[in-house]
Full PDB file with SEQRES, HELIX, SHEET, SSBOND, CRYST1, ORIGX, SCALE, CONECT and MASTER records, all heavy atoms in Angstrom:
SEQRES   1 A   35  ASP PHE GLU VAL ASP ARG GLU ILE GLU GLY ASP SER ILE          
SEQRES   2 A   35  ALA ASP VAL LEU SER TYR VAL GLU TYR ASP PRO LYS GLN          
SEQRES   3 A   35  VAL SER SER ARG PHE ARG ALA SER VAL                          
HELIX    1 AA1 ILE A   13  TYR A   19  1                                   7    
HELIX    2 AA2 PRO A   24  SER A   34  1                                  11    
CRYST1    1.000    1.000    1.000  90.00  90.00  90.00 P 1           1          
ORIGX1      1.000000  0.000000  0.000000        0.00000                         
ORIGX2      0.000000  1.000000  0.000000        0.00000                         
ORIGX3      0.000000  0.000000  1.000000        0.00000                         
SCALE1      1.000000  0.000000  0.000000        0.00000                         
SCALE2      0.000000  1.000000  0.000000        0.00000                         
SCALE3      0.000000  0.000000  1.000000        0.00000                         
ATOM      1  N   ASP A   1      84.034   9.909-118.585  1.00  0.00           N  
ATOM      2  CA  ASP A   1      84.988   8.961-118.153  1.00  0.00           C  
ATOM      3  C   ASP A   1      86.040   8.610-119.245  1.00  0.00           C  
ATOM      4  O   ASP A   1      86.020   9.373-120.339  1.00  0.00           O  
ATOM      5  CB  ASP A   1      84.330   7.625-117.723  1.00  0.00           C  
ATOM      6  CG  ASP A   1      85.176   6.826-116.711  1.00  0.00           C  
ATOM      7  OD1 ASP A   1      86.269   7.152-116.474  1.00  0.00           O  
ATOM      8  OD2 ASP A   1      84.593   5.865-116.164  1.00  0.00           O  
ATOM      9  N   PHE A   2      86.980   7.735-119.060  1.00  0.00           N  
ATOM     10  CA  PHE A   2      88.004   7.467-120.040  1.00  0.00           C  
ATOM     11  C   PHE A   2      88.129   5.986-120.207  1.00  0.00           C  
ATOM     12  O   PHE A   2      87.840   5.181-119.380  1.00  0.00           O  
ATOM     13  CB  PHE A   2      89.372   8.170-119.596  1.00  0.00           C  
ATOM     14  CG  PHE A   2      89.950   7.477-118.438  1.00  0.00           C  
ATOM     15  CD1 PHE A   2      90.990   6.572-118.664  1.00  0.00           C  
ATOM     16  CD2 PHE A   2      89.643   7.919-117.145  1.00  0.00           C  
ATOM     17  CE1 PHE A   2      91.573   6.000-117.554  1.00  0.00           C  
ATOM     18  CE2 PHE A   2      90.244   7.326-116.067  1.00  0.00           C  
ATOM     19  CZ  PHE A   2      91.255   6.334-116.230  1.00  0.00           C  
ATOM     20  N   GLU A   3      88.798   5.641-121.333  1.00  0.00           N  
ATOM     21  CA  GLU A   3      89.203   4.290-121.590  1.00  0.00           C  
ATOM     22  C   GLU A   3      90.731   4.162-121.849  1.00  0.00           C  
ATOM     23  O   GLU A   3      91.245   5.023-122.522  1.00  0.00           O  
ATOM     24  CB  GLU A   3      88.447   3.819-122.956  1.00  0.00           C  
ATOM     25  CG  GLU A   3      86.947   3.885-122.849  1.00  0.00           C  
ATOM     26  CD  GLU A   3      86.310   3.596-124.162  1.00  0.00           C  
ATOM     27  OE1 GLU A   3      87.051   3.415-125.168  1.00  0.00           O  
ATOM     28  OE2 GLU A   3      85.077   3.458-124.161  1.00  0.00           O  
ATOM     29  N   VAL A   4      91.263   3.170-121.300  1.00  0.00           N  
ATOM     30  CA  VAL A   4      92.675   2.900-121.487  1.00  0.00           C  
ATOM     31  C   VAL A   4      92.848   2.166-122.761  1.00  0.00           C  
ATOM     32  O   VAL A   4      92.369   1.016-122.875  1.00  0.00           O  
ATOM     33  CB  VAL A   4      93.350   2.116-120.316  1.00  0.00           C  
ATOM     34  CG1 VAL A   4      94.746   1.724-120.713  1.00  0.00           C  
ATOM     35  CG2 VAL A   4      93.274   2.959-119.112  1.00  0.00           C  
ATOM     36  N   ASP A   5      93.368   2.821-123.784  1.00  0.00           N  
ATOM     37  CA  ASP A   5      93.629   2.240-125.175  1.00  0.00           C  
ATOM     38  C   ASP A   5      94.685   1.338-125.280  1.00  0.00           C  
ATOM     39  O   ASP A   5      94.630   0.245-125.864  1.00  0.00           O  
ATOM     40  CB  ASP A   5      93.624   3.367-126.125  1.00  0.00           C  
ATOM     41  CG  ASP A   5      93.656   2.830-127.591  1.00  0.00           C  
ATOM     42  OD1 ASP A   5      92.618   2.196-127.957  1.00  0.00           O  
ATOM     43  OD2 ASP A   5      94.583   3.126-128.318  1.00  0.00           O  
ATOM     44  N   ARG A   6      95.739   1.719-124.671  1.00  0.00           N  
ATOM     45  CA  ARG A   6      97.049   0.874-124.674  1.00  0.00           C  
ATOM     46  C   ARG A   6      97.836   1.198-123.507  1.00  0.00           C  
ATOM     47  O   ARG A   6      97.977   2.429-123.160  1.00  0.00           O  
ATOM     48  CB  ARG A   6      97.806   1.086-126.007  1.00  0.00           C  
ATOM     49  CG  ARG A   6      98.921   0.027-126.256  1.00  0.00           C  
ATOM     50  CD  ARG A   6      99.711   0.323-127.440  1.00  0.00           C  
ATOM     51  NE  ARG A   6      98.995   0.481-128.710  1.00  0.00           N  
ATOM     52  CZ  ARG A   6      99.587   0.504-129.848  1.00  0.00           C  
ATOM     53  NH1 ARG A   6     100.862   0.316-129.918  1.00  0.00           N  
ATOM     54  NH2 ARG A   6      98.850   0.656-130.961  1.00  0.00           N  
ATOM     55  N   GLU A   7      98.508   0.216-122.893  1.00  0.00           N  
ATOM     56  CA  GLU A   7      99.353   0.421-121.647  1.00  0.00           C  
ATOM     57  C   GLU A   7     100.731  -0.289-121.955  1.00  0.00           C  
ATOM     58  O   GLU A   7     100.805  -1.383-122.264  1.00  0.00           O  
ATOM     59  CB  GLU A   7      98.685  -0.114-120.466  1.00  0.00           C  
ATOM     60  CG  GLU A   7      99.504  -0.081-119.167  1.00  0.00           C  
ATOM     61  CD  GLU A   7      98.962  -0.855-118.024  1.00  0.00           C  
ATOM     62  OE1 GLU A   7      97.736  -1.180-118.116  1.00  0.00           O  
ATOM     63  OE2 GLU A   7      99.659  -1.084-117.088  1.00  0.00           O  
ATOM     64  N   ILE A   8     101.787   0.565-121.784  1.00  0.00           N  
ATOM     65  CA  ILE A   8     103.143   0.059-121.939  1.00  0.00           C  
ATOM     66  C   ILE A   8     103.882   0.211-120.560  1.00  0.00           C  
ATOM     67  O   ILE A   8     104.047   1.313-120.161  1.00  0.00           O  
ATOM     68  CB  ILE A   8     103.901   0.672-123.052  1.00  0.00           C  
ATOM     69  CG1 ILE A   8     103.153   0.618-124.445  1.00  0.00           C  
ATOM     70  CG2 ILE A   8     105.310   0.117-123.197  1.00  0.00           C  
ATOM     71  CD1 ILE A   8     103.689   1.494-125.511  1.00  0.00           C  
ATOM     72  N   GLU A   9     104.176  -0.906-120.042  1.00  0.00           N  
ATOM     73  CA  GLU A   9     104.936  -0.814-118.711  1.00  0.00           C  
ATOM     74  C   GLU A   9     106.298  -0.171-118.819  1.00  0.00           C  
ATOM     75  O   GLU A   9     107.030  -0.467-119.735  1.00  0.00           O  
ATOM     76  CB  GLU A   9     105.073  -2.184-118.099  1.00  0.00           C  
ATOM     77  CG  GLU A   9     105.551  -2.213-116.630  1.00  0.00           C  
ATOM     78  CD  GLU A   9     105.513  -3.587-116.012  1.00  0.00           C  
ATOM     79  OE1 GLU A   9     105.322  -4.588-116.802  1.00  0.00           O  
ATOM     80  OE2 GLU A   9     105.756  -3.752-114.869  1.00  0.00           O  
ATOM     81  N   GLY A  10     106.607   0.690-117.889  1.00  0.00           N  
ATOM     82  CA  GLY A  10     107.914   1.376-117.929  1.00  0.00           C  
ATOM     83  C   GLY A  10     109.050   0.319-117.692  1.00  0.00           C  
ATOM     84  O   GLY A  10     108.789  -0.787-117.292  1.00  0.00           O  
ATOM     85  N   ASP A  11     110.272   0.786-117.861  1.00  0.00           N  
ATOM     86  CA  ASP A  11     111.424  -0.052-117.750  1.00  0.00           C  
ATOM     87  C   ASP A  11     111.578  -0.514-116.272  1.00  0.00           C  
ATOM     88  O   ASP A  11     111.406   0.329-115.292  1.00  0.00           O  
ATOM     89  CB  ASP A  11     112.732   0.671-118.086  1.00  0.00           C  
ATOM     90  CG  ASP A  11     112.804   0.901-119.593  1.00  0.00           C  
ATOM     91  OD1 ASP A  11     112.298  -0.065-120.330  1.00  0.00           O  
ATOM     92  OD2 ASP A  11     113.486   1.803-120.046  1.00  0.00           O  
ATOM     93  N   SER A  12     111.869  -1.784-116.075  1.00  0.00           N  
ATOM     94  CA  SER A  12     112.300  -2.325-114.783  1.00  0.00           C  
ATOM     95  C   SER A  12     113.866  -2.002-114.545  1.00  0.00           C  
ATOM     96  O   SER A  12     114.510  -1.729-115.638  1.00  0.00           O  
ATOM     97  CB  SER A  12     112.003  -3.744-114.584  1.00  0.00           C  
ATOM     98  OG  SER A  12     112.797  -4.512-115.499  1.00  0.00           O  
ATOM     99  N   ILE A  13     114.296  -2.127-113.331  1.00  0.00           N  
ATOM    100  CA  ILE A  13     115.786  -2.007-113.173  1.00  0.00           C  
ATOM    101  C   ILE A  13     116.548  -3.052-113.915  1.00  0.00           C  
ATOM    102  O   ILE A  13     117.598  -2.816-114.562  1.00  0.00           O  
ATOM    103  CB  ILE A  13     116.126  -2.075-111.693  1.00  0.00           C  
ATOM    104  CG1 ILE A  13     115.485  -0.856-110.964  1.00  0.00           C  
ATOM    105  CG2 ILE A  13     117.546  -2.233-111.413  1.00  0.00           C  
ATOM    106  CD1 ILE A  13     115.561  -0.951-109.486  1.00  0.00           C  
ATOM    107  N   ALA A  14     115.995  -4.301-114.005  1.00  0.00           N  
ATOM    108  CA  ALA A  14     116.596  -5.265-114.850  1.00  0.00           C  
ATOM    109  C   ALA A  14     116.636  -4.977-116.307  1.00  0.00           C  
ATOM    110  O   ALA A  14     117.649  -5.188-116.989  1.00  0.00           O  
ATOM    111  CB  ALA A  14     115.771  -6.678-114.676  1.00  0.00           C  
ATOM    112  N   ASP A  15     115.625  -4.198-116.830  1.00  0.00           N  
ATOM    113  CA  ASP A  15     115.618  -3.855-118.114  1.00  0.00           C  
ATOM    114  C   ASP A  15     116.830  -2.903-118.467  1.00  0.00           C  
ATOM    115  O   ASP A  15     117.554  -3.017-119.425  1.00  0.00           O  
ATOM    116  CB  ASP A  15     114.272  -3.070-118.499  1.00  0.00           C  
ATOM    117  CG  ASP A  15     113.062  -4.061-118.549  1.00  0.00           C  
ATOM    118  OD1 ASP A  15     113.307  -5.235-118.866  1.00  0.00           O  
ATOM    119  OD2 ASP A  15     111.988  -3.569-118.271  1.00  0.00           O  
ATOM    120  N   VAL A  16     116.909  -1.812-117.666  1.00  0.00           N  
ATOM    121  CA  VAL A  16     117.892  -0.756-117.840  1.00  0.00           C  
ATOM    122  C   VAL A  16     119.304  -1.408-117.732  1.00  0.00           C  
ATOM    123  O   VAL A  16     120.281  -0.933-118.361  1.00  0.00           O  
ATOM    124  CB  VAL A  16     117.720   0.451-117.053  1.00  0.00           C  
ATOM    125  CG1 VAL A  16     116.373   1.098-117.450  1.00  0.00           C  
ATOM    126  CG2 VAL A  16     117.806   0.242-115.577  1.00  0.00           C  
ATOM    127  N   LEU A  17     119.504  -2.301-116.756  1.00  0.00           N  
ATOM    128  CA  LEU A  17     120.769  -2.906-116.592  1.00  0.00           C  
ATOM    129  C   LEU A  17     121.188  -3.719-117.879  1.00  0.00           C  
ATOM    130  O   LEU A  17     122.381  -3.666-118.293  1.00  0.00           O  
ATOM    131  CB  LEU A  17     120.849  -3.829-115.434  1.00  0.00           C  
ATOM    132  CG  LEU A  17     120.785  -3.173-114.061  1.00  0.00           C  
ATOM    133  CD1 LEU A  17     120.671  -4.146-112.887  1.00  0.00           C  
ATOM    134  CD2 LEU A  17     122.115  -2.321-113.785  1.00  0.00           C  
ATOM    135  N   SER A  18     120.240  -4.338-118.440  1.00  0.00           N  
ATOM    136  CA  SER A  18     120.515  -5.107-119.739  1.00  0.00           C  
ATOM    137  C   SER A  18     120.866  -4.156-120.897  1.00  0.00           C  
ATOM    138  O   SER A  18     121.671  -4.477-121.682  1.00  0.00           O  
ATOM    139  CB  SER A  18     119.329  -6.019-120.141  1.00  0.00           C  
ATOM    140  OG  SER A  18     118.193  -5.220-120.526  1.00  0.00           O  
ATOM    141  N   TYR A  19     120.297  -2.880-120.733  1.00  0.00           N  
ATOM    142  CA  TYR A  19     120.638  -1.886-121.885  1.00  0.00           C  
ATOM    143  C   TYR A  19     122.152  -1.588-121.943  1.00  0.00           C  
ATOM    144  O   TYR A  19     122.720  -1.232-122.854  1.00  0.00           O  
ATOM    145  CB  TYR A  19     119.768  -0.738-121.860  1.00  0.00           C  
ATOM    146  CG  TYR A  19     118.298  -0.893-121.862  1.00  0.00           C  
ATOM    147  CD1 TYR A  19     117.428   0.054-121.362  1.00  0.00           C  
ATOM    148  CD2 TYR A  19     117.728  -2.017-122.510  1.00  0.00           C  
ATOM    149  CE1 TYR A  19     116.081  -0.158-121.355  1.00  0.00           C  
ATOM    150  CE2 TYR A  19     116.356  -2.217-122.603  1.00  0.00           C  
ATOM    151  CZ  TYR A  19     115.550  -1.251-121.987  1.00  0.00           C  
ATOM    152  OH  TYR A  19     114.182  -1.423-122.072  1.00  0.00           O  
ATOM    153  N   VAL A  20     122.752  -1.626-120.640  1.00  0.00           N  
ATOM    154  CA  VAL A  20     124.106  -1.210-120.487  1.00  0.00           C  
ATOM    155  C   VAL A  20     125.020  -2.444-120.262  1.00  0.00           C  
ATOM    156  O   VAL A  20     126.048  -2.356-119.581  1.00  0.00           O  
ATOM    157  CB  VAL A  20     124.281  -0.107-119.406  1.00  0.00           C  
ATOM    158  CG1 VAL A  20     123.720   1.167-119.851  1.00  0.00           C  
ATOM    159  CG2 VAL A  20     123.700  -0.499-118.130  1.00  0.00           C  
ATOM    160  N   GLU A  21     124.588  -3.605-120.857  1.00  0.00           N  
ATOM    161  CA  GLU A  21     125.410  -4.805-121.013  1.00  0.00           C  
ATOM    162  C   GLU A  21     125.544  -5.612-119.732  1.00  0.00           C  
ATOM    163  O   GLU A  21     126.431  -6.455-119.680  1.00  0.00           O  
ATOM    164  CB  GLU A  21     126.737  -4.430-121.610  1.00  0.00           C  
ATOM    165  CG  GLU A  21     126.681  -3.721-122.933  1.00  0.00           C  
ATOM    166  CD  GLU A  21     128.060  -3.329-123.484  1.00  0.00           C  
ATOM    167  OE1 GLU A  21     129.063  -3.767-122.925  1.00  0.00           O  
ATOM    168  OE2 GLU A  21     128.089  -2.630-124.451  1.00  0.00           O  
ATOM    169  N   TYR A  22     124.771  -5.378-118.738  1.00  0.00           N  
ATOM    170  CA  TYR A  22     124.626  -6.281-117.616  1.00  0.00           C  
ATOM    171  C   TYR A  22     123.663  -7.392-117.906  1.00  0.00           C  
ATOM    172  O   TYR A  22     122.687  -7.181-118.565  1.00  0.00           O  
ATOM    173  CB  TYR A  22     124.168  -5.554-116.298  1.00  0.00           C  
ATOM    174  CG  TYR A  22     125.152  -4.588-115.731  1.00  0.00           C  
ATOM    175  CD1 TYR A  22     125.006  -3.213-116.124  1.00  0.00           C  
ATOM    176  CD2 TYR A  22     126.129  -4.841-114.878  1.00  0.00           C  
ATOM    177  CE1 TYR A  22     125.852  -2.277-115.566  1.00  0.00           C  
ATOM    178  CE2 TYR A  22     126.911  -3.940-114.228  1.00  0.00           C  
ATOM    179  CZ  TYR A  22     126.872  -2.601-114.713  1.00  0.00           C  
ATOM    180  OH  TYR A  22     127.739  -1.723-114.217  1.00  0.00           O  
ATOM    181  N   ASP A  23     124.039  -8.615-117.428  1.00  0.00           N  
ATOM    182  CA  ASP A  23     123.048  -9.612-117.560  1.00  0.00           C  
ATOM    183  C   ASP A  23     122.355  -9.772-116.109  1.00  0.00           C  
ATOM    184  O   ASP A  23     122.989 -10.059-115.102  1.00  0.00           O  
ATOM    185  CB  ASP A  23     123.828 -11.006-117.706  1.00  0.00           C  
ATOM    186  CG  ASP A  23     122.874 -12.211-117.865  1.00  0.00           C  
ATOM    187  OD1 ASP A  23     121.747 -12.135-117.409  1.00  0.00           O  
ATOM    188  OD2 ASP A  23     123.260 -13.268-118.355  1.00  0.00           O  
ATOM    189  N   PRO A  24     120.987  -9.475-116.107  1.00  0.00           N  
ATOM    190  CA  PRO A  24     120.313  -9.453-114.865  1.00  0.00           C  
ATOM    191  C   PRO A  24     120.506 -10.775-114.025  1.00  0.00           C  
ATOM    192  O   PRO A  24     120.552 -10.707-112.815  1.00  0.00           O  
ATOM    193  CB  PRO A  24     118.873  -9.149-115.129  1.00  0.00           C  
ATOM    194  CG  PRO A  24     119.008  -8.420-116.437  1.00  0.00           C  
ATOM    195  CD  PRO A  24     120.111  -9.017-117.193  1.00  0.00           C  
ATOM    196  N   LYS A  25     120.513 -11.899-114.690  1.00  0.00           N  
ATOM    197  CA  LYS A  25     120.606 -13.177-114.064  1.00  0.00           C  
ATOM    198  C   LYS A  25     122.019 -13.282-113.374  1.00  0.00           C  
ATOM    199  O   LYS A  25     122.135 -13.757-112.253  1.00  0.00           O  
ATOM    200  CB  LYS A  25     120.382 -14.318-114.981  1.00  0.00           C  
ATOM    201  CG  LYS A  25     118.942 -14.431-115.444  1.00  0.00           C  
ATOM    202  CD  LYS A  25     118.757 -15.668-116.358  1.00  0.00           C  
ATOM    203  CE  LYS A  25     117.413 -15.866-116.758  1.00  0.00           C  
ATOM    204  NZ  LYS A  25     117.195 -17.045-117.686  1.00  0.00           N  
ATOM    205  N   GLN A  26     123.028 -12.841-114.059  1.00  0.00           N  
ATOM    206  CA  GLN A  26     124.371 -12.845-113.524  1.00  0.00           C  
ATOM    207  C   GLN A  26     124.491 -11.865-112.365  1.00  0.00           C  
ATOM    208  O   GLN A  26     125.195 -12.155-111.368  1.00  0.00           O  
ATOM    209  CB  GLN A  26     125.457 -12.470-114.571  1.00  0.00           C  
ATOM    210  CG  GLN A  26     126.807 -12.679-114.183  1.00  0.00           C  
ATOM    211  CD  GLN A  26     127.819 -12.313-115.274  1.00  0.00           C  
ATOM    212  OE1 GLN A  26     127.831 -11.143-115.649  1.00  0.00           O  
ATOM    213  NE2 GLN A  26     128.517 -13.310-115.679  1.00  0.00           N  
ATOM    214  N   VAL A  27     123.823 -10.722-112.487  1.00  0.00           N  
ATOM    215  CA  VAL A  27     123.898  -9.762-111.335  1.00  0.00           C  
ATOM    216  C   VAL A  27     123.309 -10.368-110.093  1.00  0.00           C  
ATOM    217  O   VAL A  27     123.821 -10.221-108.989  1.00  0.00           O  
ATOM    218  CB  VAL A  27     123.109  -8.498-111.824  1.00  0.00           C  
ATOM    219  CG1 VAL A  27     122.830  -7.581-110.589  1.00  0.00           C  
ATOM    220  CG2 VAL A  27     123.881  -7.676-112.843  1.00  0.00           C  
ATOM    221  N   SER A  28     122.119 -11.018-110.274  1.00  0.00           N  
ATOM    222  CA  SER A  28     121.460 -11.688-109.175  1.00  0.00           C  
ATOM    223  C   SER A  28     122.362 -12.761-108.590  1.00  0.00           C  
ATOM    224  O   SER A  28     122.440 -12.912-107.375  1.00  0.00           O  
ATOM    225  CB  SER A  28     120.167 -12.226-109.640  1.00  0.00           C  
ATOM    226  OG  SER A  28     119.434 -12.871-108.618  1.00  0.00           O  
ATOM    227  N   SER A  29     122.902 -13.546-109.512  1.00  0.00           N  
ATOM    228  CA  SER A  29     123.793 -14.647-109.012  1.00  0.00           C  
ATOM    229  C   SER A  29     124.984 -14.115-108.206  1.00  0.00           C  
ATOM    230  O   SER A  29     125.331 -14.696-107.118  1.00  0.00           O  
ATOM    231  CB  SER A  29     124.312 -15.425-110.267  1.00  0.00           C  
ATOM    232  OG  SER A  29     125.187 -16.465-109.780  1.00  0.00           O  
ATOM    233  N   ARG A  30     125.582 -13.045-108.687  1.00  0.00           N  
ATOM    234  CA  ARG A  30     126.760 -12.457-107.916  1.00  0.00           C  
ATOM    235  C   ARG A  30     126.351 -11.967-106.573  1.00  0.00           C  
ATOM    236  O   ARG A  30     127.079 -12.148-105.542  1.00  0.00           O  
ATOM    237  CB  ARG A  30     127.305 -11.268-108.776  1.00  0.00           C  
ATOM    238  CG  ARG A  30     128.165 -11.666-109.927  1.00  0.00           C  
ATOM    239  CD  ARG A  30     128.521 -10.489-110.754  1.00  0.00           C  
ATOM    240  NE  ARG A  30     129.423 -10.719-111.787  1.00  0.00           N  
ATOM    241  CZ  ARG A  30     130.799 -10.620-111.730  1.00  0.00           C  
ATOM    242  NH1 ARG A  30     131.285 -10.179-110.589  1.00  0.00           N  
ATOM    243  NH2 ARG A  30     131.514 -10.926-112.738  1.00  0.00           N  
ATOM    244  N   PHE A  31     125.110 -11.379-106.441  1.00  0.00           N  
ATOM    245  CA  PHE A  31     124.626 -10.874-105.201  1.00  0.00           C  
ATOM    246  C   PHE A  31     124.291 -12.060-104.243  1.00  0.00           C  
ATOM    247  O   PHE A  31     124.710 -11.969-103.037  1.00  0.00           O  
ATOM    248  CB  PHE A  31     123.481  -9.946-105.383  1.00  0.00           C  
ATOM    249  CG  PHE A  31     122.920  -9.432-104.037  1.00  0.00           C  
ATOM    250  CD1 PHE A  31     123.656  -8.383-103.443  1.00  0.00           C  
ATOM    251  CD2 PHE A  31     121.791  -9.948-103.421  1.00  0.00           C  
ATOM    252  CE1 PHE A  31     123.181  -7.874-102.286  1.00  0.00           C  
ATOM    253  CE2 PHE A  31     121.338  -9.388-102.245  1.00  0.00           C  
ATOM    254  CZ  PHE A  31     122.009  -8.355-101.670  1.00  0.00           C  
ATOM    255  N   ARG A  32     123.744 -13.111-104.737  1.00  0.00           N  
ATOM    256  CA  ARG A  32     123.426 -14.267-103.945  1.00  0.00           C  
ATOM    257  C   ARG A  32     124.717 -14.877-103.392  1.00  0.00           C  
ATOM    258  O   ARG A  32     124.768 -15.306-102.220  1.00  0.00           O  
ATOM    259  CB  ARG A  32     122.635 -15.268-104.755  1.00  0.00           C  
ATOM    260  CG  ARG A  32     121.158 -14.977-105.027  1.00  0.00           C  
ATOM    261  CD  ARG A  32     120.593 -15.913-106.050  1.00  0.00           C  
ATOM    262  NE  ARG A  32     119.236 -15.680-106.210  1.00  0.00           N  
ATOM    263  CZ  ARG A  32     118.188 -16.225-105.590  1.00  0.00           C  
ATOM    264  NH1 ARG A  32     118.429 -17.056-104.619  1.00  0.00           N  
ATOM    265  NH2 ARG A  32     117.005 -15.908-105.880  1.00  0.00           N  
ATOM    266  N   ALA A  33     125.807 -14.824-104.186  1.00  0.00           N  
ATOM    267  CA  ALA A  33     127.009 -15.392-103.626  1.00  0.00           C  
ATOM    268  C   ALA A  33     127.609 -14.573-102.558  1.00  0.00           C  
ATOM    269  O   ALA A  33     128.067 -15.073-101.605  1.00  0.00           O  
ATOM    270  CB  ALA A  33     128.016 -15.505-104.842  1.00  0.00           C  
ATOM    271  N   SER A  34     127.475 -13.233-102.650  1.00  0.00           N  
ATOM    272  CA  SER A  34     127.902 -12.342-101.600  1.00  0.00           C  
ATOM    273  C   SER A  34     127.112 -12.578-100.306  1.00  0.00           C  
ATOM    274  O   SER A  34     127.678 -12.665 -99.182  1.00  0.00           O  
ATOM    275  CB  SER A  34     127.736 -10.937-101.974  1.00  0.00           C  
ATOM    276  OG  SER A  34     128.610 -10.590-103.051  1.00  0.00           O  
ATOM    277  N   VAL A  35     125.755 -12.791-100.420  1.00  0.00           N  
ATOM    278  CA  VAL A  35     124.913 -13.052 -99.240  1.00  0.00           C  
ATOM    279  C   VAL A  35     125.301 -14.469 -98.598  1.00  0.00           C  
ATOM    280  O   VAL A  35     125.304 -14.485 -97.393  1.00  0.00           O  
ATOM    281  CB  VAL A  35     123.458 -12.980 -99.654  1.00  0.00           C  
ATOM    282  CG1 VAL A  35     122.555 -13.312 -98.370  1.00  0.00           C  
ATOM    283  CG2 VAL A  35     123.083 -11.614-100.164  1.00  0.00           C  
TER     284      VAL A  35                                                      
MASTER        0    0    0    2    0    0    0    6  283    1    0    3          
END                                                                             
């Protein structure tokens, strides 16, 4: 059998948007306004 020694969660879409200078909260707010 095996043991999980360490787990690192992959990037979320919010993570990668923040890497390219988007603010995920602002993105969400803009979409809510459109809806």
